[in-house]
PDB file of N, CA and C in Angstrom:
ATOM      1  N   UNK A   1      18.889   4.595 -25.084  1.00  0.00           N
ATOM      2  CA  UNK A   1      18.956   4.565 -23.640  1.00  0.00           C
ATOM      3  C   UNK A   1      18.810   3.117 -23.194  1.00  0.00           C
ATOM      4  N   UNK A   2      19.685   2.687 -22.308  1.00  0.00           N
ATOM      5  CA  UNK A   2      19.627   1.335 -21.779  1.00  0.00           C
ATOM      6  C   UNK A   2      19.000   1.359 -20.391  1.00  0.00           C
ATOM      7  N   UNK A   3      18.219   0.352 -20.096  1.00  0.00           N
ATOM      8  CA  UNK A   3      17.643   0.198 -18.772  1.00  0.00           C
ATOM      9  C   UNK A   3      17.361  -1.272 -18.548  1.00  0.00           C
ATOM     10  N   UNK A   4      17.302  -1.650 -17.290  1.00  0.00           N
ATOM     11  CA  UNK A   4      17.026  -3.041 -16.942  1.00  0.00           C
ATOM     12  C   UNK A   4      15.605  -3.386 -17.348  1.00  0.00           C
ATOM     13  N   UNK A   5      15.394  -4.626 -17.735  1.00  0.00           N
ATOM     14  CA  UNK A   5      14.064  -5.042 -18.178  1.00  0.00           C
ATOM     15  C   UNK A   5      13.008  -4.899 -17.096  1.00  0.00           C
ATOM     16  N   UNK A   6      13.421  -4.997 -15.837  1.00  0.00           N
ATOM     17  CA  UNK A   6      12.448  -4.883 -14.753  1.00  0.00           C
ATOM     18  C   UNK A   6      12.334  -3.452 -14.212  1.00  0.00           C
ATOM     19  N   UNK A   7      12.996  -2.498 -14.838  1.00  0.00           N
ATOM     20  CA  UNK A   7      12.945  -1.100 -14.409  1.00  0.00           C
ATOM     21  C   UNK A   7      11.737  -0.429 -15.055  1.00  0.00           C
ATOM     22  N   UNK A   8      10.579  -0.623 -14.451  1.00  0.00           N
ATOM     23  CA  UNK A   8       9.320  -0.127 -15.016  1.00  0.00           C
ATOM     24  C   UNK A   8       9.259   1.398 -15.024  1.00  0.00           C
ATOM     25  N   UNK A   9       9.837   2.056 -14.021  1.00  0.00           N
ATOM     26  CA  UNK A   9       9.765   3.507 -13.953  1.00  0.00           C
ATOM     27  C   UNK A   9      10.507   4.151 -15.128  1.00  0.00           C
ATOM     28  N   UNK A  10      11.703   3.627 -15.441  1.00  0.00           N
ATOM     29  CA  UNK A  10      12.457   4.170 -16.571  1.00  0.00           C
ATOM     30  C   UNK A  10      11.718   3.909 -17.879  1.00  0.00           C
ATOM     31  N   UNK A  11      11.167   2.700 -18.015  1.00  0.00           N
ATOM     32  CA  UNK A  11      10.433   2.371 -19.232  1.00  0.00           C
ATOM     33  C   UNK A  11       9.224   3.305 -19.396  1.00  0.00           C
ATOM     34  N   UNK A  12       8.511   3.574 -18.308  1.00  0.00           N
ATOM     35  CA  UNK A  12       7.362   4.483 -18.374  1.00  0.00           C
ATOM     36  C   UNK A  12       7.807   5.890 -18.743  1.00  0.00           C
ATOM     37  N   UNK A  13       8.934   6.320 -18.174  1.00  0.00           N
ATOM     38  CA  UNK A  13       9.444   7.651 -18.461  1.00  0.00           C
ATOM     39  C   UNK A  13       9.819   7.780 -19.938  1.00  0.00           C
ATOM     40  N   UNK A  14      10.511   6.786 -20.459  1.00  0.00           N
ATOM     41  CA  UNK A  14      10.901   6.791 -21.870  1.00  0.00           C
ATOM     42  C   UNK A  14       9.656   6.790 -22.759  1.00  0.00           C
ATOM     43  N   UNK A  15       8.697   5.928 -22.431  1.00  0.00           N
ATOM     44  CA  UNK A  15       7.465   5.837 -23.224  1.00  0.00           C
ATOM     45  C   UNK A  15       6.727   7.175 -23.228  1.00  0.00           C
ATOM     46  N   UNK A  16       6.601   7.789 -22.051  1.00  0.00           N
ATOM     47  CA  UNK A  16       5.897   9.068 -21.956  1.00  0.00           C
ATOM     48  C   UNK A  16       6.605  10.154 -22.759  1.00  0.00           C
ATOM     49  N   UNK A  17       7.926  10.181 -22.696  1.00  0.00           N
ATOM     50  CA  UNK A  17       8.677  11.192 -23.440  1.00  0.00           C
ATOM     51  C   UNK A  17       8.549  10.994 -24.948  1.00  0.00           C
ATOM     52  N   UNK A  18       8.549   9.740 -25.402  1.00  0.00           N
ATOM     53  CA  UNK A  18       8.381   9.470 -26.829  1.00  0.00           C
ATOM     54  C   UNK A  18       7.052  10.020 -27.340  1.00  0.00           C
ATOM     55  N   UNK A  19       5.998   9.770 -26.562  1.00  0.00           N
ATOM     56  CA  UNK A  19       4.666  10.220 -26.979  1.00  0.00           C
ATOM     57  C   UNK A  19       4.540  11.727 -26.827  1.00  0.00           C
ATOM     58  N   UNK A  20       4.964  12.262 -25.702  1.00  0.00           N
ATOM     59  CA  UNK A  20       4.815  13.696 -25.427  1.00  0.00           C
ATOM     60  C   UNK A  20       5.581  14.551 -26.430  1.00  0.00           C
ATOM     61  N   UNK A  21       6.762  14.086 -26.830  1.00  0.00           N
ATOM     62  CA  UNK A  21       7.583  14.841 -27.779  1.00  0.00           C
ATOM     63  C   UNK A  21       7.269  14.500 -29.233  1.00  0.00           C
ATOM     64  N   UNK A  22       6.203  13.720 -29.408  1.00  0.00           N
ATOM     65  CA  UNK A  22       5.710  13.356 -30.747  1.00  0.00           C
ATOM     66  C   UNK A  22       6.764  12.638 -31.599  1.00  0.00           C
ATOM     67  N   UNK A  23       7.589  11.826 -30.918  1.00  0.00           N
ATOM     68  CA  UNK A  23       8.564  11.003 -31.629  1.00  0.00           C
ATOM     69  C   UNK A  23       7.960   9.666 -32.036  1.00  0.00           C
ATOM     70  N   UNK A  24       6.865   9.314 -31.369  1.00  0.00           N
ATOM     71  CA  UNK A  24       6.144   8.078 -31.691  1.00  0.00           C
ATOM     72  C   UNK A  24       4.711   8.259 -31.224  1.00  0.00           C
ATOM     73  N   UNK A  25       3.814   7.453 -31.778  1.00  0.00           N
ATOM     74  CA  UNK A  25       2.401   7.526 -31.394  1.00  0.00           C
ATOM     75  C   UNK A  25       2.130   6.537 -30.262  1.00  0.00           C
ATOM     76  N   UNK A  26       0.997   6.714 -29.620  1.00  0.00           N
ATOM     77  CA  UNK A  26       0.600   5.797 -28.547  1.00  0.00           C
ATOM     78  C   UNK A  26       0.544   4.358 -29.055  1.00  0.00           C
ATOM     79  N   UNK A  27      -0.088   4.077 -30.194  1.00  0.00           N
ATOM     80  CA  UNK A  27      -0.114   2.679 -30.661  1.00  0.00           C
ATOM     81  C   UNK A  27       1.278   2.105 -30.938  1.00  0.00           C
ATOM     82  N   UNK A  28       2.180   2.929 -31.477  1.00  0.00           N
ATOM     83  CA  UNK A  28       3.533   2.447 -31.761  1.00  0.00           C
ATOM     84  C   UNK A  28       4.282   2.090 -30.480  1.00  0.00           C
ATOM     85  N   UNK A  29       4.255   2.979 -29.516  1.00  0.00           N
ATOM     86  CA  UNK A  29       4.949   2.738 -28.251  1.00  0.00           C
ATOM     87  C   UNK A  29       4.287   1.583 -27.502  1.00  0.00           C
ATOM     88  N   UNK A  30       2.976   1.541 -27.551  1.00  0.00           N
ATOM     89  CA  UNK A  30       2.239   0.470 -26.890  1.00  0.00           C
ATOM     90  C   UNK A  30       2.669  -0.892 -27.416  1.00  0.00           C
ATOM     91  N   UNK A  31       2.726  -1.025 -28.716  1.00  0.00           N
ATOM     92  CA  UNK A  31       3.160  -2.294 -29.328  1.00  0.00           C
ATOM     93  C   UNK A  31       4.625  -2.582 -29.022  1.00  0.00           C
ATOM     94  N   UNK A  32       5.472  -1.578 -29.172  1.00  0.00           N
ATOM     95  CA  UNK A  32       6.912  -1.767 -29.004  1.00  0.00           C
ATOM     96  C   UNK A  32       7.332  -2.123 -27.595  1.00  0.00           C
ATOM     97  N   UNK A  33       6.651  -1.552 -26.602  1.00  0.00           N
ATOM     98  CA  UNK A  33       7.034  -1.796 -25.207  1.00  0.00           C
ATOM     99  C   UNK A  33       6.053  -2.705 -24.475  1.00  0.00           C
ATOM    100  N   UNK A  34       5.064  -3.198 -25.194  1.00  0.00           N
ATOM    101  CA  UNK A  34       4.068  -4.105 -24.618  1.00  0.00           C
ATOM    102  C   UNK A  34       3.367  -3.476 -23.405  1.00  0.00           C
ATOM    103  N   UNK A  35       2.903  -2.248 -23.623  1.00  0.00           N
ATOM    104  CA  UNK A  35       2.138  -1.519 -22.599  1.00  0.00           C
ATOM    105  C   UNK A  35       0.747  -1.290 -23.176  1.00  0.00           C
ATOM    106  N   UNK A  36      -0.307  -1.613 -22.445  1.00  0.00           N
ATOM    107  CA  UNK A  36      -1.653  -1.339 -22.960  1.00  0.00           C
ATOM    108  C   UNK A  36      -1.819   0.156 -23.271  1.00  0.00           C
ATOM    109  N   UNK A  37      -2.498   0.488 -24.367  1.00  0.00           N
ATOM    110  CA  UNK A  37      -2.656   1.903 -24.747  1.00  0.00           C
ATOM    111  C   UNK A  37      -3.277   2.757 -23.642  1.00  0.00           C
ATOM    112  N   UNK A  38      -4.269   2.216 -22.939  1.00  0.00           N
ATOM    113  CA  UNK A  38      -4.899   3.016 -21.874  1.00  0.00           C
ATOM    114  C   UNK A  38      -3.904   3.307 -20.752  1.00  0.00           C
ATOM    115  N   UNK A  39      -3.063   2.340 -20.422  1.00  0.00           N
ATOM    116  CA  UNK A  39      -2.034   2.551 -19.399  1.00  0.00           C
ATOM    117  C   UNK A  39      -1.031   3.589 -19.874  1.00  0.00           C
ATOM    118  N   UNK A  40      -0.645   3.502 -21.128  1.00  0.00           N
ATOM    119  CA  UNK A  40       0.312   4.458 -21.685  1.00  0.00           C
ATOM    120  C   UNK A  40      -0.257   5.875 -21.666  1.00  0.00           C
ATOM    121  N   UNK A  41      -1.536   6.016 -21.993  1.00  0.00           N
ATOM    122  CA  UNK A  41      -2.156   7.353 -21.928  1.00  0.00           C
ATOM    123  C   UNK A  41      -2.129   7.886 -20.495  1.00  0.00           C
ATOM    124  N   UNK A  42      -2.398   7.015 -19.522  1.00  0.00           N
ATOM    125  CA  UNK A  42      -2.335   7.422 -18.111  1.00  0.00           C
ATOM    126  C   UNK A  42      -0.922   7.861 -17.735  1.00  0.00           C
ATOM    127  N   UNK A  43       0.074   7.101 -18.193  1.00  0.00           N
ATOM    128  CA  UNK A  43       1.470   7.423 -17.897  1.00  0.00           C
ATOM    129  C   UNK A  43       1.840   8.773 -18.505  1.00  0.00           C
ATOM    130  N   UNK A  44       1.435   9.017 -19.732  1.00  0.00           N
ATOM    131  CA  UNK A  44       1.726  10.298 -20.390  1.00  0.00           C
ATOM    132  C   UNK A  44       1.065  11.441 -19.623  1.00  0.00           C
ATOM    133  N   UNK A  45      -0.162  11.226 -19.169  1.00  0.00           N
ATOM    134  CA  UNK A  45      -0.878  12.254 -18.411  1.00  0.00           C
ATOM    135  C   UNK A  45      -0.166  12.563 -17.094  1.00  0.00           C
ATOM    136  N   UNK A  46       0.223  11.528 -16.368  1.00  0.00           N
ATOM    137  CA  UNK A  46       0.937  11.735 -15.097  1.00  0.00           C
ATOM    138  C   UNK A  46       2.269  12.417 -15.358  1.00  0.00           C
ATOM    139  N   UNK A  47       2.980  11.976 -16.383  1.00  0.00           N
ATOM    140  CA  UNK A  47       4.269  12.580 -16.729  1.00  0.00           C
ATOM    141  C   UNK A  47       4.089  14.055 -17.083  1.00  0.00           C
ATOM    142  N   UNK A  48       3.058  14.389 -17.815  1.00  0.00           N
ATOM    143  CA  UNK A  48       2.811  15.788 -18.184  1.00  0.00           C
ATOM    144  C   UNK A  48       2.508  16.643 -16.963  1.00  0.00           C
ATOM    145  N   UNK A  49       1.775  16.070 -16.006  1.00  0.00           N
ATOM    146  CA  UNK A  49       1.395  16.820 -14.803  1.00  0.00           C
ATOM    147  C   UNK A  49       2.509  16.902 -13.766  1.00  0.00           C
ATOM    148  N   UNK A  50       3.215  15.782 -13.547  1.00  0.00           N
ATOM    149  CA  UNK A  50       4.132  15.700 -12.401  1.00  0.00           C
ATOM    150  C   UNK A  50       5.573  15.383 -12.772  1.00  0.00           C
ATOM    151  N   UNK A  51       5.838  15.139 -14.041  1.00  0.00           N
ATOM    152  CA  UNK A  51       7.199  14.793 -14.434  1.00  0.00           C
ATOM    153  C   UNK A  51       7.566  13.378 -14.011  1.00  0.00           C
ATOM    154  N   UNK A  52       8.861  13.124 -13.982  1.00  0.00           N
ATOM    155  CA  UNK A  52       9.353  11.787 -13.650  1.00  0.00           C
ATOM    156  C   UNK A  52       8.950  11.392 -12.229  1.00  0.00           C
ATOM    157  N   UNK A  53       8.923  12.345 -11.308  1.00  0.00           N
ATOM    158  CA  UNK A  53       8.543  12.033  -9.916  1.00  0.00           C
ATOM    159  C   UNK A  53       7.153  11.414  -9.821  1.00  0.00           C
ATOM    160  N   UNK A  54       6.271  11.809 -10.703  1.00  0.00           N
ATOM    161  CA  UNK A  54       4.926  11.247 -10.688  1.00  0.00           C
ATOM    162  C   UNK A  54       4.886   9.795 -11.103  1.00  0.00           C
ATOM    163  N   UNK A  55       5.916   9.326 -11.801  1.00  0.00           N
ATOM    164  CA  UNK A  55       5.962   7.942 -12.269  1.00  0.00           C
ATOM    165  C   UNK A  55       6.610   7.000 -11.251  1.00  0.00           C
ATOM    166  N   UNK A  56       7.246   7.560 -10.232  1.00  0.00           N
ATOM    167  CA  UNK A  56       7.890   6.736  -9.210  1.00  0.00           C
ATOM    168  C   UNK A  56       6.844   6.372  -8.170  1.00  0.00           C
ATOM    169  N   UNK A  57       6.632   5.082  -7.948  1.00  0.00           N
ATOM    170  CA  UNK A  57       5.596   4.672  -6.992  1.00  0.00           C
ATOM    171  C   UNK A  57       5.961   5.065  -5.562  1.00  0.00           C
ATOM    172  N   UNK A  58       4.949   5.470  -4.820  1.00  0.00           N
ATOM    173  CA  UNK A  58       5.159   5.792  -3.416  1.00  0.00           C
ATOM    174  C   UNK A  58       5.002   4.535  -2.589  1.00  0.00           C
ATOM    175  N   UNK A  59       5.659   4.526  -1.447  1.00  0.00           N
ATOM    176  CA  UNK A  59       5.553   3.373  -0.566  1.00  0.00           C
ATOM    177  C   UNK A  59       4.162   3.324   0.038  1.00  0.00           C
ATOM    178  N   UNK A  60       3.568   2.153   0.016  1.00  0.00           N
ATOM    179  CA  UNK A  60       2.243   1.978   0.585  1.00  0.00           C
ATOM    180  C   UNK A  60       2.326   1.192   1.871  1.00  0.00           C
ATOM    181  N   UNK A  61       1.262   1.251   2.629  1.00  0.00           N
ATOM    182  CA  UNK A  61       1.209   0.452   3.846  1.00  0.00           C
ATOM    183  C   UNK A  61       1.063   1.328   5.064  1.00  0.00           C
ATOM    184  N   UNK A  62       1.070   0.699   6.209  1.00  0.00           N
ATOM    185  CA  UNK A  62       0.846   1.439   7.450  1.00  0.00           C
ATOM    186  C   UNK A  62       2.016   2.369   7.763  1.00  0.00           C
ATOM    187  N   UNK A  63       1.697   3.470   8.373  1.00  0.00           N
ATOM    188  CA  UNK A  63       2.698   4.433   8.804  1.00  0.00           C
ATOM    189  C   UNK A  63       2.606   4.630  10.299  1.00  0.00           C
ATOM    190  N   UNK A  64       3.713   4.959  10.887  1.00  0.00           N
ATOM    191  CA  UNK A  64       3.729   5.352  12.285  1.00  0.00           C
ATOM    192  C   UNK A  64       3.156   4.335  13.234  1.00  0.00           C
ATOM    193  N   UNK A  65       2.208   4.772  14.043  1.00  0.00           N
ATOM    194  CA  UNK A  65       1.710   3.965  15.145  1.00  0.00           C
ATOM    195  C   UNK A  65       0.932   2.732  14.706  1.00  0.00           C
ATOM    196  N   UNK A  66       0.584   2.615  13.443  1.00  0.00           N
ATOM    197  CA  UNK A  66      -0.179   1.447  13.007  1.00  0.00           C
ATOM    198  C   UNK A  66       0.715   0.281  12.617  1.00  0.00           C
ATOM    199  N   UNK A  67       2.019   0.488  12.634  1.00  0.00           N
ATOM    200  CA  UNK A  67       2.916  -0.613  12.315  1.00  0.00           C
ATOM    201  C   UNK A  67       2.859  -1.656  13.419  1.00  0.00           C
ATOM    202  N   UNK A  68       3.017  -2.904  13.028  1.00  0.00           N
ATOM    203  CA  UNK A  68       3.013  -4.007  13.977  1.00  0.00           C
ATOM    204  C   UNK A  68       4.427  -4.142  14.522  1.00  0.00           C
ATOM    205  N   UNK A  69       4.746  -3.295  15.494  1.00  0.00           N
ATOM    206  CA  UNK A  69       6.087  -3.223  16.058  1.00  0.00           C
ATOM    207  C   UNK A  69       6.378  -4.468  16.891  1.00  0.00           C
ATOM    208  N   UNK A  70       7.651  -4.707  17.176  1.00  0.00           N
ATOM    209  CA  UNK A  70       7.982  -5.851  18.033  1.00  0.00           C
ATOM    210  C   UNK A  70       7.290  -5.788  19.398  1.00  0.00           C
ATOM    211  N   UNK A  71       7.117  -4.573  19.928  1.00  0.00           N
ATOM    212  CA  UNK A  71       6.439  -4.439  21.226  1.00  0.00           C
ATOM    213  C   UNK A  71       4.977  -4.874  21.112  1.00  0.00           C
ATOM    214  N   UNK A  72       4.308  -4.439  20.049  1.00  0.00           N
ATOM    215  CA  UNK A  72       2.906  -4.837  19.851  1.00  0.00           C
ATOM    216  C   UNK A  72       2.797  -6.328  19.579  1.00  0.00           C
ATOM    217  N   UNK A  73       3.754  -6.860  18.839  1.00  0.00           N
ATOM    218  CA  UNK A  73       3.751  -8.286  18.578  1.00  0.00           C
ATOM    219  C   UNK A  73       3.869  -9.053  19.892  1.00  0.00           C
ATOM    220  N   UNK A  74       4.766  -8.598  20.767  1.00  0.00           N
ATOM    221  CA  UNK A  74       4.938  -9.255  22.064  1.00  0.00           C
ATOM    222  C   UNK A  74       3.655  -9.161  22.895  1.00  0.00           C
ATOM    223  N   UNK A  75       3.015  -7.975  22.931  1.00  0.00           N
ATOM    224  CA  UNK A  75       1.775  -7.827  23.693  1.00  0.00           C
ATOM    225  C   UNK A  75       0.678  -8.715  23.129  1.00  0.00           C
ATOM    226  N   UNK A  76       0.641  -8.843  21.816  1.00  0.00           N
ATOM    227  CA  UNK A  76      -0.369  -9.702  21.191  1.00  0.00           C
ATOM    228  C   UNK A  76      -0.152 -11.154  21.579  1.00  0.00           C
ATOM    229  N   UNK A  77       1.086 -11.604  21.512  1.00  0.00           N
ATOM    230  CA  UNK A  77       1.384 -12.989  21.899  1.00  0.00           C
ATOM    231  C   UNK A  77       1.070 -13.244  23.369  1.00  0.00           C
ATOM    232  N   UNK A  78       1.409 -12.293  24.231  1.00  0.00           N
ATOM    233  CA  UNK A  78       1.120 -12.445  25.658  1.00  0.00           C
ATOM    234  C   UNK A  78      -0.386 -12.514  25.902  1.00  0.00           C
ATOM    235  N   UNK A  79      -1.139 -11.658  25.223  1.00  0.00           N
ATOM    236  CA  UNK A  79      -2.593 -11.668  25.375  1.00  0.00           C
ATOM    237  C   UNK A  79      -3.181 -12.975  24.872  1.00  0.00           C
ATOM    238  N   UNK A  80      -2.706 -13.449  23.747  1.00  0.00           N
ATOM    239  CA  UNK A  80      -3.221 -14.696  23.177  1.00  0.00           C
ATOM    240  C   UNK A  80      -2.936 -15.876  24.099  1.00  0.00           C
ATOM    241  N   UNK A  81      -1.764 -15.877  24.728  1.00  0.00           N
ATOM    242  CA  UNK A  81      -1.425 -16.963  25.660  1.00  0.00           C
ATOM    243  C   UNK A  81      -2.232 -16.859  26.948  1.00  0.00           C
ATOM    244  N   UNK A  82      -2.443 -15.629  27.426  1.00  0.00           N
ATOM    245  CA  UNK A  82      -3.165 -15.432  28.683  1.00  0.00           C
ATOM    246  C   UNK A  82      -4.661 -15.655  28.519  1.00  0.00           C
ATOM    247  N   UNK A  83      -5.192 -15.381  27.351  1.00  0.00           N
ATOM    248  CA  UNK A  83      -6.620 -15.519  27.089  1.00  0.00           C
ATOM    249  C   UNK A  83      -6.835 -16.400  25.858  1.00  0.00           C
ATOM    250  N   UNK A  84      -6.604 -17.699  25.979  1.00  0.00           N
ATOM    251  CA  UNK A  84      -6.715 -18.555  24.800  1.00  0.00           C
ATOM    252  C   UNK A  84      -8.111 -18.567  24.187  1.00  0.00           C
ATOM    253  N   UNK A  85      -9.119 -18.217  24.947  1.00  0.00           N
ATOM    254  CA  UNK A  85     -10.483 -18.171  24.412  1.00  0.00           C
ATOM    255  C   UNK A  85     -10.874 -16.777  23.939  1.00  0.00           C
ATOM    256  N   UNK A  86      -9.919 -15.848  24.004  1.00  0.00           N
ATOM    257  CA  UNK A  86     -10.205 -14.478  23.579  1.00  0.00           C
ATOM    258  C   UNK A  86     -10.463 -14.402  22.081  1.00  0.00           C
ATOM    259  N   UNK A  87     -11.265 -13.430  21.704  1.00  0.00           N
ATOM    260  CA  UNK A  87     -11.561 -13.245  20.279  1.00  0.00           C
ATOM    261  C   UNK A  87     -10.380 -12.550  19.612  1.00  0.00           C
ATOM    262  N   UNK A  88     -10.342 -12.636  18.302  1.00  0.00           N
ATOM    263  CA  UNK A  88      -9.306 -11.946  17.545  1.00  0.00           C
ATOM    264  C   UNK A  88      -9.370 -10.447  17.816  1.00  0.00           C
ATOM    265  N   UNK A  89     -10.568  -9.917  17.929  1.00  0.00           N
ATOM    266  CA  UNK A  89     -10.738  -8.484  18.188  1.00  0.00           C
ATOM    267  C   UNK A  89     -10.125  -8.096  19.529  1.00  0.00           C
ATOM    268  N   UNK A  90     -10.335  -8.910  20.552  1.00  0.00           N
ATOM    269  CA  UNK A  90      -9.770  -8.617  21.872  1.00  0.00           C
ATOM    270  C   UNK A  90      -8.245  -8.682  21.846  1.00  0.00           C
ATOM    271  N   UNK A  91      -7.728  -9.662  21.155  1.00  0.00           N
ATOM    272  CA  UNK A  91      -6.279  -9.837  21.110  1.00  0.00           C
ATOM    273  C   UNK A  91      -5.626  -8.695  20.333  1.00  0.00           C
ATOM    274  N   UNK A  92      -6.173  -8.347  19.185  1.00  0.00           N
ATOM    275  CA  UNK A  92      -5.576  -7.259  18.402  1.00  0.00           C
ATOM    276  C   UNK A  92      -5.777  -5.904  19.073  1.00  0.00           C
ATOM    277  N   UNK A  93      -6.891  -5.735  19.778  1.00  0.00           N
ATOM    278  CA  UNK A  93      -7.107  -4.483  20.511  1.00  0.00           C
ATOM    279  C   UNK A  93      -6.026  -4.295  21.556  1.00  0.00           C
ATOM    280  N   UNK A  94      -5.646  -5.363  22.218  1.00  0.00           N
ATOM    281  CA  UNK A  94      -4.592  -5.299  23.217  1.00  0.00           C
ATOM    282  C   UNK A  94      -3.277  -4.867  22.583  1.00  0.00           C
ATOM    283  N   UNK A  95      -2.987  -5.374  21.400  1.00  0.00           N
ATOM    284  CA  UNK A  95      -1.736  -5.029  20.725  1.00  0.00           C
ATOM    285  C   UNK A  95      -1.723  -3.580  20.279  1.00  0.00           C
ATOM    286  N   UNK A  96      -2.881  -3.020  19.996  1.00  0.00           N
ATOM    287  CA  UNK A  96      -2.950  -1.656  19.482  1.00  0.00           C
ATOM    288  C   UNK A  96      -3.105  -0.589  20.551  1.00  0.00           C
ATOM    289  N   UNK A  97      -3.169  -0.993  21.789  1.00  0.00           N
ATOM    290  CA  UNK A  97      -3.279  -0.005  22.857  1.00  0.00           C
ATOM    291  C   UNK A  97      -1.962   0.734  23.007  1.00  0.00           C
ATOM    292  N   UNK A  98      -2.057   2.039  23.197  1.00  0.00           N
ATOM    293  CA  UNK A  98      -0.829   2.794  23.418  1.00  0.00           C
ATOM    294  C   UNK A  98      -0.416   2.683  24.883  1.00  0.00           C
ATOM    295  N   UNK A  99       0.695   3.295  25.249  1.00  0.00           N
ATOM    296  CA  UNK A  99       1.228   3.147  26.601  1.00  0.00           C
ATOM    297  C   UNK A  99       0.259   3.639  27.677  1.00  0.00           C
ATOM    298  N   UNK A 100      -0.536   4.673  27.385  1.00  0.00           N
ATOM    299  CA  UNK A 100      -1.515   5.142  28.364  1.00  0.00           C
ATOM    300  C   UNK A 100      -2.729   4.238  28.401  1.00  0.00           C
ATOM    301  N   UNK A 101      -2.882   3.384  27.382  1.00  0.00           N
ATOM    302  CA  UNK A 101      -3.987   2.428  27.341  1.00  0.00           C
ATOM    303  C   UNK A 101      -5.187   2.968  26.604  1.00  0.00           C
ATOM    304  N   UNK A 102      -5.800   2.089  25.834  1.00  0.00           N
ATOM    305  CA  UNK A 102      -7.110   2.378  25.278  1.00  0.00           C
ATOM    306  C   UNK A 102      -7.158   3.149  23.978  1.00  0.00           C
ATOM    307  N   UNK A 103      -6.201   3.004  23.097  1.00  0.00           N
ATOM    308  CA  UNK A 103      -6.274   3.714  21.821  1.00  0.00           C
ATOM    309  C   UNK A 103      -7.519   3.317  21.050  1.00  0.00           C
ATOM    310  N   UNK A 104      -7.761   2.016  20.896  1.00  0.00           N
ATOM    311  CA  UNK A 104      -8.954   1.586  20.176  1.00  0.00           C
ATOM    312  C   UNK A 104     -10.221   1.829  20.988  1.00  0.00           C
ATOM    313  N   UNK A 105     -10.125   1.702  22.288  1.00  0.00           N
ATOM    314  CA  UNK A 105     -11.299   1.932  23.120  1.00  0.00           C
ATOM    315  C   UNK A 105     -11.785   3.369  22.975  1.00  0.00           C
ATOM    316  N   UNK A 106     -10.847   4.293  22.830  1.00  0.00           N
ATOM    317  CA  UNK A 106     -11.258   5.689  22.678  1.00  0.00           C
ATOM    318  C   UNK A 106     -11.877   5.944  21.311  1.00  0.00           C
ATOM    319  N   UNK A 107     -11.513   5.129  20.332  1.00  0.00           N
ATOM    320  CA  UNK A 107     -12.067   5.296  18.984  1.00  0.00           C
ATOM    321  C   UNK A 107     -13.349   4.515  18.808  1.00  0.00           C
ATOM    322  N   UNK A 108     -13.567   3.543  19.650  1.00  0.00           N
ATOM    323  CA  UNK A 108     -14.724   2.671  19.484  1.00  0.00           C
ATOM    324  C   UNK A 108     -14.284   1.418  18.779  1.00  0.00           C
ATOM    325  N   UNK A 109     -14.759   0.287  19.252  1.00  0.00           N
ATOM    326  CA  UNK A 109     -14.294  -0.992  18.747  1.00  0.00           C
ATOM    327  C   UNK A 109     -15.474  -1.877  18.406  1.00  0.00           C
ATOM    328  N   UNK A 110     -16.632  -1.291  18.157  1.00  0.00           N
ATOM    329  CA  UNK A 110     -17.854  -2.085  17.985  1.00  0.00           C
ATOM    330  C   UNK A 110     -17.827  -2.952  16.749  1.00  0.00           C
ATOM    331  N   UNK A 111     -17.233  -2.491  15.650  1.00  0.00           N
ATOM    332  CA  UNK A 111     -17.204  -3.290  14.429  1.00  0.00           C
ATOM    333  C   UNK A 111     -16.420  -4.574  14.633  1.00  0.00           C
ATOM    334  N   UNK A 112     -15.282  -4.465  15.338  1.00  0.00           N
ATOM    335  CA  UNK A 112     -14.447  -5.636  15.515  1.00  0.00           C
ATOM    336  C   UNK A 112     -15.075  -6.660  16.450  1.00  0.00           C
ATOM    337  N   UNK A 113     -15.624  -6.172  17.558  1.00  0.00           N
ATOM    338  CA  UNK A 113     -16.132  -7.135  18.529  1.00  0.00           C
ATOM    339  C   UNK A 113     -17.431  -7.781  18.086  1.00  0.00           C
ATOM    340  N   UNK A 114     -18.269  -7.064  17.353  1.00  0.00           N
ATOM    341  CA  UNK A 114     -19.538  -7.649  16.980  1.00  0.00           C
ATOM    342  C   UNK A 114     -19.372  -8.784  15.973  1.00  0.00           C
ATOM    343  N   UNK A 115     -18.371  -8.676  15.089  1.00  0.00           N
ATOM    344  CA  UNK A 115     -18.193  -9.729  14.091  1.00  0.00           C
ATOM    345  C   UNK A 115     -17.249 -10.804  14.577  1.00  0.00           C
ATOM    346  N   UNK A 116     -16.446 -10.521  15.616  1.00  0.00           N
ATOM    347  CA  UNK A 116     -15.442 -11.485  16.005  1.00  0.00           C
ATOM    348  C   UNK A 116     -15.763 -12.280  17.253  1.00  0.00           C
ATOM    349  N   UNK A 117     -16.898 -12.032  17.893  1.00  0.00           N
ATOM    350  CA  UNK A 117     -17.216 -12.755  19.126  1.00  0.00           C
ATOM    351  C   UNK A 117     -17.432 -14.224  18.860  1.00  0.00           C
ATOM    352  N   UNK A 118     -16.874 -15.027  19.794  1.00  0.00           N
ATOM    353  CA  UNK A 118     -17.109 -16.469  19.747  1.00  0.00           C
ATOM    354  C   UNK A 118     -17.958 -16.817  20.959  1.00  0.00           C
ATOM    355  N   UNK A 119     -19.215 -16.890  20.766  1.00  0.00           N
ATOM    356  CA  UNK A 119     -20.076 -17.234  21.891  1.00  0.00           C
ATOM    357  C   UNK A 119     -20.457 -18.694  21.766  1.00  0.00           C
ATOM    358  N   UNK A 120     -20.307 -19.330  22.858  1.00  0.00           N
ATOM    359  CA  UNK A 120     -20.421 -20.717  22.733  1.00  0.00           C
ATOM    360  C   UNK A 120     -21.380 -21.509  23.387  1.00  0.00           C
TER     361      UNK A 120
END
């Protein structure tokens, strides 16, 4: 089977199948594909439980309303320009407010403001 050198998912799938089907041992595959044995055991376990889909990484990061959208970016820049002495917490809180206002205020913002205040 041919695969690109940077195609880690295919390499993991091949490695897991070799071990699971007893065509090679963990130490043999580990040496041959330069995968640490503990990582290979984890890959075999995930492959056994979830198949190839379990080896494909999921996208990480913010989802939905937590994305730094162009609108939030614009509100943040406007707040920073209007309040040059504002704290980072105040500026980011403004960017995270929803259209009705006060998303963070309704959740509480004490952690951000207590560590970010610039009192002078």
